[in-house]
């Protein structure tokens, strides 16, 4: 039987939204049928550690990891270094940190700017069952829009999943073992579509690896996440 880790991320403008306003507990409550072996929050680019640490006492069952604790060690594990990220480090280090520290077979990651009220335990169960069915399927995601034509389909779909190359780092379930491998040095012209401000980011590196090596992501047709929560976070006072 496989093990599953639950991870959320937060940063300077979002940690109170996640911890104080109940988003972390709410998100966990959506998956009560899943026995997560690990439950972790990756704290990314928060200036005042004392402020956020004061909130940890209400989450005895959650582990907290600061992404800036030892980024060199984390990146070296993936055969990377800080010099590989002259810009955009903070868009990537939270993901590398989460993958580095988890010991579970599957990692379910949710960024703080994702609304996931439409998700439930079956999303995780059905996605992992599909990932288990083919070694070339390495990441699962909910859909981000209702337009089927917006999804870059590369393989025949089935009744529940689209098969595609594209990758978003906002919400995903990954095969941890594959993502701990040396897969972060590929380049593909299609991956140049990612925003320049992110640099050679985690998201772009995975997209390139998948395209160069014919690995695929699966998108569940019946579940969609809400990216509009980002506006709530950015406009809130922290």
Protein backbone atom coordinates (compact mmCIF):
# COMPACT_ATOMS: atom_id res chain seq x y z
CA UNK A 1 0.00 0.00 0.00
CA UNK A 2 1.27 3.47 -0.84
CA UNK A 3 1.73 6.37 1.59
CA UNK A 4 0.49 9.93 0.99
CA UNK A 5 1.80 13.26 2.25
CA UNK A 6 -0.33 16.40 2.52
CA UNK A 7 1.50 19.67 2.04
CA UNK A 8 0.44 23.29 1.89
CA UNK A 9 2.62 26.32 1.35
CA UNK A 10 2.35 29.86 2.68
CA UNK A 11 4.36 33.05 2.45
CA UNK A 12 4.48 36.60 3.83
CA UNK A 13 1.06 37.69 2.58
CA UNK A 14 -0.74 34.42 3.09
CA UNK A 15 0.32 32.71 6.31
CA UNK A 16 -2.39 34.32 8.43
CA UNK A 17 -4.94 33.42 5.78
CA UNK A 18 -3.76 29.79 5.93
CA UNK A 19 -3.22 29.43 9.68
CA UNK A 20 -5.23 32.07 11.53
CA UNK A 21 -8.26 32.20 9.22
CA UNK A 22 -8.71 28.44 9.15
CA UNK A 23 -7.82 27.58 5.56
CA UNK A 24 -5.41 24.80 6.55
CA UNK A 25 -7.97 23.01 8.73
CA UNK A 26 -10.68 23.56 6.17
CA UNK A 27 -8.60 22.04 3.38
CA UNK A 28 -7.71 19.02 5.48
CA UNK A 29 -11.37 18.49 6.35
CA UNK A 30 -12.17 17.92 2.67
CA UNK A 31 -10.14 14.69 2.70
CA UNK A 32 -11.25 12.96 5.89
CA UNK A 33 -11.19 9.55 4.19
CA UNK A 34 -7.49 9.88 3.42
CA UNK A 35 -5.00 8.73 6.05
CA UNK A 36 -2.16 11.15 5.39
CA UNK A 37 1.09 9.80 6.77
CA UNK A 38 2.55 13.31 6.80
CA UNK A 39 0.89 16.72 7.13
CA UNK A 40 3.24 19.62 6.50
CA UNK A 41 3.24 23.34 5.82
CA UNK A 42 6.17 24.78 3.87
CA UNK A 43 6.81 28.33 5.10
CA UNK A 44 8.28 30.33 2.25
CA UNK A 45 9.82 33.80 2.41
CA UNK A 46 8.31 35.01 5.70
CA UNK A 47 10.32 37.85 7.24
CA UNK A 48 9.23 37.59 10.90
CA UNK A 49 9.60 34.00 12.06
CA UNK A 50 8.45 34.80 15.59
CA UNK A 51 5.06 35.99 14.36
CA UNK A 52 4.30 32.85 12.41
CA UNK A 53 5.78 30.53 15.03
CA UNK A 54 3.30 31.94 17.54
CA UNK A 55 0.55 30.31 15.46
CA UNK A 56 2.15 26.86 15.40
CA UNK A 57 0.85 25.96 18.86
CA UNK A 58 -2.63 25.37 17.43
CA UNK A 59 -1.35 22.76 15.00
CA UNK A 60 0.32 20.06 17.05
CA UNK A 61 -0.41 17.48 14.36
CA UNK A 62 1.24 19.52 11.60
CA UNK A 63 4.94 19.84 10.77
CA UNK A 64 6.29 23.23 9.69
CA UNK A 65 9.38 23.61 7.54
CA UNK A 66 11.03 26.93 6.61
CA UNK A 67 12.19 26.80 3.01
CA UNK A 68 15.05 29.23 3.70
CA UNK A 69 16.47 26.99 6.44
CA UNK A 70 19.05 25.31 4.21
CA UNK A 71 18.27 25.84 0.52
CA UNK A 72 21.78 24.89 -0.59
CA UNK A 73 21.44 21.38 0.87
CA UNK A 74 17.98 20.97 -0.59
CA UNK A 75 19.02 22.06 -4.08
CA UNK A 76 22.23 20.02 -4.01
CA UNK A 77 20.12 16.91 -3.46
CA UNK A 78 18.56 17.56 -6.88
CA UNK A 79 21.95 18.31 -8.46
CA UNK A 80 21.10 22.01 -8.48
CA UNK A 81 22.56 25.09 -6.81
CA UNK A 82 21.53 28.62 -5.93
CA UNK A 83 23.28 29.83 -9.08
CA UNK A 84 20.66 27.96 -11.13
CA UNK A 85 18.09 30.47 -9.82
CA UNK A 86 19.47 33.99 -10.35
CA UNK A 87 15.82 35.09 -10.33
CA UNK A 88 12.67 33.45 -9.08
CA UNK A 89 14.15 31.29 -6.32
CA UNK A 90 11.12 31.76 -4.08
CA UNK A 91 8.81 30.47 -6.80
CA UNK A 92 10.67 27.15 -6.72
CA UNK A 93 12.32 26.48 -3.38
CA UNK A 94 9.07 25.62 -1.60
CA UNK A 95 8.49 22.73 -4.02
CA UNK A 96 12.02 21.40 -3.82
CA UNK A 97 11.86 21.66 -0.03
CA UNK A 98 8.60 19.73 0.15
CA UNK A 99 9.87 16.96 -2.11
CA UNK A 100 13.20 16.77 -0.31
CA UNK A 101 11.70 16.27 3.14
CA UNK A 102 8.80 13.93 2.39
CA UNK A 103 9.27 10.19 2.82
CA UNK A 104 5.90 9.27 1.31
CA UNK A 105 5.24 7.58 -2.01
CA UNK A 106 2.87 10.33 -3.11
CA UNK A 107 2.93 14.04 -2.35
CA UNK A 108 -0.28 16.07 -2.51
CA UNK A 109 0.68 19.75 -2.66
CA UNK A 110 -1.70 22.72 -2.43
CA UNK A 111 -0.54 26.30 -2.81
CA UNK A 112 -2.19 28.80 -0.54
CA UNK A 113 -3.81 30.60 -3.49
CA UNK A 114 -5.94 27.62 -4.55
CA UNK A 115 -9.60 27.24 -3.72
CA UNK A 116 -10.30 23.52 -3.50
CA UNK A 117 -13.86 23.27 -2.17
CA UNK A 118 -14.77 21.17 -5.21
CA UNK A 119 -12.22 18.49 -4.30
CA UNK A 120 -12.76 15.47 -2.07
CA UNK A 121 -11.14 12.17 -1.12
CA UNK A 122 -12.14 10.53 -4.38
CA UNK A 123 -10.02 12.99 -6.31
CA UNK A 124 -6.95 11.69 -4.50
CA UNK A 125 -7.93 8.02 -4.64
CA UNK A 126 -8.89 8.00 -8.31
CA UNK A 127 -5.87 10.07 -9.31
CA UNK A 128 -3.41 7.78 -7.55
CA UNK A 129 -5.10 4.69 -9.00
CA UNK A 130 -4.58 6.22 -12.44
CA UNK A 131 -0.96 7.13 -11.68
CA UNK A 132 -0.34 3.57 -10.52
CA UNK A 133 -1.62 2.22 -13.83
CA UNK A 134 1.22 3.58 -15.96
CA UNK A 135 4.82 4.43 -15.11
CA UNK A 136 4.71 7.28 -17.63
CA UNK A 137 2.02 9.07 -15.62
CA UNK A 138 3.87 11.03 -12.93
CA UNK A 139 1.60 13.88 -11.88
CA UNK A 140 -2.12 14.34 -11.31
CA UNK A 141 -4.06 17.61 -11.19
CA UNK A 142 -7.64 18.85 -11.09
CA UNK A 143 -8.71 20.86 -14.10
CA UNK A 144 -8.22 24.64 -13.98
CA UNK A 145 -11.06 25.57 -16.36
CA UNK A 146 -14.20 24.12 -17.87
CA UNK A 147 -13.01 24.49 -21.48
CA UNK A 148 -11.81 21.08 -22.68
CA UNK A 149 -10.00 22.73 -25.59
CA UNK A 150 -7.74 24.65 -23.18
CA UNK A 151 -6.18 21.37 -22.04
CA UNK A 152 -3.25 20.21 -24.17
CA UNK A 153 -4.28 16.61 -24.72
CA UNK A 154 -1.45 14.35 -25.96
CA UNK A 155 -2.76 10.81 -25.43
CA UNK A 156 -6.21 9.22 -25.72
CA UNK A 157 -8.38 10.24 -22.77
CA UNK A 158 -10.64 8.00 -20.73
CA UNK A 159 -13.93 8.70 -19.00
CA UNK A 160 -12.27 10.42 -16.01
CA UNK A 161 -8.91 11.81 -17.13
CA UNK A 162 -7.24 13.87 -19.82
CA UNK A 163 -3.62 12.89 -20.55
CA UNK A 164 -1.31 15.82 -21.25
CA UNK A 165 2.17 17.35 -20.90
CA UNK A 166 1.34 20.66 -19.25
CA UNK A 167 2.09 21.18 -15.58
CA UNK A 168 0.96 23.65 -12.93
CA UNK A 169 2.71 23.93 -9.58
CA UNK A 170 -0.38 25.31 -7.83
CA UNK A 171 -1.90 21.94 -6.97
CA UNK A 172 -0.62 18.48 -7.76
CA UNK A 173 -0.18 14.88 -6.72
CA UNK A 174 3.23 13.53 -7.72
CA UNK A 175 5.15 10.27 -7.63
CA UNK A 176 7.76 11.33 -5.11
CA UNK A 177 10.43 8.85 -6.20
CA UNK A 178 10.47 10.21 -9.76
CA UNK A 179 10.66 13.81 -8.57
CA UNK A 180 13.62 13.02 -6.33
CA UNK A 181 15.60 11.92 -9.38
CA UNK A 182 17.98 14.05 -11.45
CA UNK A 183 15.31 15.38 -13.83
CA UNK A 184 15.81 19.15 -13.59
CA UNK A 185 18.28 19.91 -16.38
CA UNK A 186 16.16 19.52 -19.50
CA UNK A 187 15.09 22.30 -21.84
CA UNK A 188 12.22 22.30 -24.31
CA UNK A 189 11.07 25.20 -26.52
CA UNK A 190 7.43 24.73 -25.48
CA UNK A 191 8.42 25.36 -21.87
CA UNK A 192 9.48 28.90 -22.71
CA UNK A 193 5.82 29.93 -22.34
CA UNK A 194 6.24 30.27 -18.57
CA UNK A 195 6.57 33.85 -17.22
CA UNK A 196 10.08 35.28 -17.36
CA UNK A 197 9.91 36.57 -13.78
CA UNK A 198 9.96 32.98 -12.51
CA UNK A 199 13.28 32.25 -14.18
CA UNK A 200 14.19 28.59 -14.67
CA UNK A 201 11.57 27.65 -12.13
CA UNK A 202 10.46 24.27 -10.78
CA UNK A 203 7.31 24.38 -12.89
CA UNK A 204 9.24 25.06 -16.09
CA UNK A 205 11.85 22.40 -15.35
CA UNK A 206 9.22 19.70 -14.85
CA UNK A 207 7.39 20.74 -18.00
CA UNK A 208 10.64 20.42 -19.97
CA UNK A 209 11.48 17.05 -18.47
CA UNK A 210 8.05 15.66 -19.31
CA UNK A 211 8.15 16.86 -22.91
CA UNK A 212 11.70 15.68 -23.55
CA UNK A 213 11.09 12.22 -22.09
CA UNK A 214 7.42 11.60 -22.89
CA UNK A 215 6.14 11.55 -19.34
CA UNK A 216 2.59 12.71 -18.80
CA UNK A 217 0.31 14.49 -16.39
CA UNK A 218 -3.27 13.44 -15.83
CA UNK A 219 -6.10 15.94 -15.35
CA UNK A 220 -9.24 14.76 -13.58
CA UNK A 221 -12.27 15.80 -15.61
CA UNK A 222 -14.66 15.92 -12.65
CA UNK A 223 -12.72 18.24 -10.35
CA UNK A 224 -11.73 21.87 -10.80
CA UNK A 225 -9.84 24.25 -8.52
CA UNK A 226 -10.41 27.98 -8.10
CA UNK A 227 -7.39 30.20 -8.71
CA UNK A 228 -9.27 33.39 -7.77
CA UNK A 229 -8.33 32.94 -4.12
CA UNK A 230 -5.04 34.59 -5.07
CA UNK A 231 -6.80 37.95 -5.26
CA UNK A 232 -8.12 37.55 -1.72
CA UNK A 233 -4.62 36.90 -0.39
CA UNK A 234 -2.86 39.68 -2.28
CA UNK A 235 -5.44 42.31 -1.30
CA UNK A 236 -5.65 41.30 2.35
CA UNK A 237 -3.79 43.08 5.11
CA UNK A 238 -1.29 40.82 6.90
